[in-house]
Amino acid sequence: MGAVIAVQLLALITVVLLFFFRIAPALAILVFAILFVRAVSGLLNQTVPKPKKLGISEVGFGAMAVLAVGTGYRLGW
């Protein structure tokens, strides 16, 4: 559990640094913060989701991340 949180936090810190060096848009920070919260809440949740529901959720969050970061680049956010 600790390793998952550490890796998610490392990803968030990396995106913040990329934003600082003007490589990533600011919206990417929000996206990775949402993904961090999702990972932590998923680990703290004691119920095991059905594979179909988990897969749909992962596809949804992945699509949201790609679209939001792309939008951030396109609009300069």
C-alpha atoms as a PDB file:
ATOM      1  CA  MET A   1       0.000   0.000   0.000  1.00  0.00           C
ATOM      2  CA  GLY A   2       2.785   2.408   0.872  1.00  0.00           C
ATOM      3  CA  ALA A   3       4.576   1.797  -2.410  1.00  0.00           C
ATOM      4  CA  VAL A   4       1.454   2.634  -4.426  1.00  0.00           C
ATOM      5  CA  ILE A   5       0.974   5.907  -2.566  1.00  0.00           C
ATOM      6  CA  ALA A   6       4.673   6.745  -2.951  1.00  0.00           C
ATOM      7  CA  VAL A   7       4.601   6.149  -6.705  1.00  0.00           C
ATOM      8  CA  GLN A   8       1.434   8.208  -7.114  1.00  0.00           C
ATOM      9  CA  LEU A   9       2.967  11.020  -5.060  1.00  0.00           C
ATOM     10  CA  LEU A  10       6.144  10.833  -7.148  1.00  0.00           C
ATOM     11  CA  ALA A  11       4.052  11.181 -10.311  1.00  0.00           C
ATOM     12  CA  LEU A  12       2.299  14.242  -8.881  1.00  0.00           C
ATOM     13  CA  ILE A  13       5.600  15.838  -7.857  1.00  0.00           C
ATOM     14  CA  THR A  14       7.017  15.117 -11.321  1.00  0.00           C
ATOM     15  CA  VAL A  15       4.085  16.874 -12.987  1.00  0.00           C
ATOM     16  CA  VAL A  16       4.514  19.868 -10.677  1.00  0.00           C
ATOM     17  CA  LEU A  17       8.180  20.056 -11.704  1.00  0.00           C
ATOM     18  CA  LEU A  18       7.235  19.739 -15.375  1.00  0.00           C
ATOM     19  CA  PHE A  19       4.817  22.621 -14.906  1.00  0.00           C
ATOM     20  CA  PHE A  20       7.522  24.650 -13.154  1.00  0.00           C
ATOM     21  CA  PHE A  21       9.793  24.205 -16.178  1.00  0.00           C
ATOM     22  CA  ARG A  22       6.877  25.042 -18.520  1.00  0.00           C
ATOM     23  CA  ILE A  23       6.764  21.569 -20.044  1.00  0.00           C
ATOM     24  CA  ALA A  24       3.332  20.536 -18.751  1.00  0.00           C
ATOM     25  CA  PRO A  25       0.145  22.605 -18.472  1.00  0.00           C
ATOM     26  CA  ALA A  26      -1.271  23.594 -15.098  1.00  0.00           C
ATOM     27  CA  LEU A  27      -4.321  21.436 -15.744  1.00  0.00           C
ATOM     28  CA  ALA A  28      -2.038  18.383 -15.583  1.00  0.00           C
ATOM     29  CA  ILE A  29      -1.440  19.106 -11.889  1.00  0.00           C
ATOM     30  CA  LEU A  30      -5.179  18.957 -11.230  1.00  0.00           C
ATOM     31  CA  VAL A  31      -5.489  15.732 -13.225  1.00  0.00           C
ATOM     32  CA  PHE A  32      -2.683  14.024 -11.335  1.00  0.00           C
ATOM     33  CA  ALA A  33      -4.046  15.279  -8.012  1.00  0.00           C
ATOM     34  CA  ILE A  34      -7.383  13.654  -8.886  1.00  0.00           C
ATOM     35  CA  LEU A  35      -5.595  10.439  -9.837  1.00  0.00           C
ATOM     36  CA  PHE A  36      -3.661  10.533  -6.547  1.00  0.00           C
ATOM     37  CA  VAL A  37      -6.859  10.940  -4.515  1.00  0.00           C
ATOM     38  CA  ARG A  38      -8.488   8.148  -6.516  1.00  0.00           C
ATOM     39  CA  ALA A  39      -5.573   5.805  -5.811  1.00  0.00           C
ATOM     40  CA  VAL A  40      -5.546   6.557  -2.088  1.00  0.00           C
ATOM     41  CA  SER A  41      -9.317   6.226  -1.747  1.00  0.00           C
ATOM     42  CA  GLY A  42      -9.214   2.980  -3.718  1.00  0.00           C
ATOM     43  CA  LEU A  43      -6.623   1.575  -1.337  1.00  0.00           C
ATOM     44  CA  LEU A  44      -8.558   2.638   1.751  1.00  0.00           C
ATOM     45  CA  ASN A  45     -11.820   1.167   0.462  1.00  0.00           C
ATOM     46  CA  GLN A  46     -12.271  -2.293   1.981  1.00  0.00           C
ATOM     47  CA  THR A  47     -14.661  -3.637  -0.668  1.00  0.00           C
ATOM     48  CA  VAL A  48     -13.264  -5.333  -3.749  1.00  0.00           C
ATOM     49  CA  PRO A  49     -14.905  -4.005  -6.933  1.00  0.00           C
ATOM     50  CA  LYS A  50     -16.025  -6.340  -9.667  1.00  0.00           C
ATOM     51  CA  PRO A  51     -13.503  -6.549 -12.513  1.00  0.00           C
ATOM     52  CA  LYS A  52     -15.932  -5.080 -15.045  1.00  0.00           C
ATOM     53  CA  LYS A  53     -16.648  -2.045 -12.856  1.00  0.00           C
ATOM     54  CA  LEU A  54     -12.949  -1.569 -12.120  1.00  0.00           C
ATOM     55  CA  GLY A  55     -12.062  -1.790 -15.816  1.00  0.00           C
ATOM     56  CA  ILE A  56     -14.712   0.743 -16.811  1.00  0.00           C
ATOM     57  CA  SER A  57     -13.519   3.054 -14.045  1.00  0.00           C
ATOM     58  CA  GLU A  58      -9.897   2.787 -15.199  1.00  0.00           C
ATOM     59  CA  VAL A  59     -10.840   3.510 -18.806  1.00  0.00           C
ATOM     60  CA  GLY A  60     -12.901   6.506 -17.670  1.00  0.00           C
ATOM     61  CA  PHE A  61     -10.133   7.978 -15.521  1.00  0.00           C
ATOM     62  CA  GLY A  62      -7.557   7.327 -18.236  1.00  0.00           C
ATOM     63  CA  ALA A  63      -9.689   9.042 -20.869  1.00  0.00           C
ATOM     64  CA  MET A  64     -10.324  11.965 -18.509  1.00  0.00           C
ATOM     65  CA  ALA A  65      -6.588  12.325 -17.908  1.00  0.00           C
ATOM     66  CA  VAL A  66      -5.686  12.272 -21.595  1.00  0.00           C
ATOM     67  CA  LEU A  67      -8.459  14.682 -22.595  1.00  0.00           C
ATOM     68  CA  ALA A  68      -7.766  17.094 -19.739  1.00  0.00           C
ATOM     69  CA  VAL A  69      -3.998  17.245 -20.302  1.00  0.00           C
ATOM     70  CA  GLY A  70      -4.539  17.599 -24.049  1.00  0.00           C
ATOM     71  CA  THR A  71      -7.030  20.388 -23.428  1.00  0.00           C
ATOM     72  CA  GLY A  72      -4.544  22.038 -21.088  1.00  0.00           C
ATOM     73  CA  TYR A  73      -1.889  22.020 -23.813  1.00  0.00           C
ATOM     74  CA  ARG A  74      -4.295  23.223 -26.456  1.00  0.00           C
ATOM     75  CA  LEU A  75      -5.726  26.102 -24.386  1.00  0.00           C
ATOM     76  CA  GLY A  76      -2.527  26.939 -22.547  1.00  0.00           C
ATOM     77  CA  TRP A  77      -3.951  26.126 -19.121  1.00  0.00           C
END
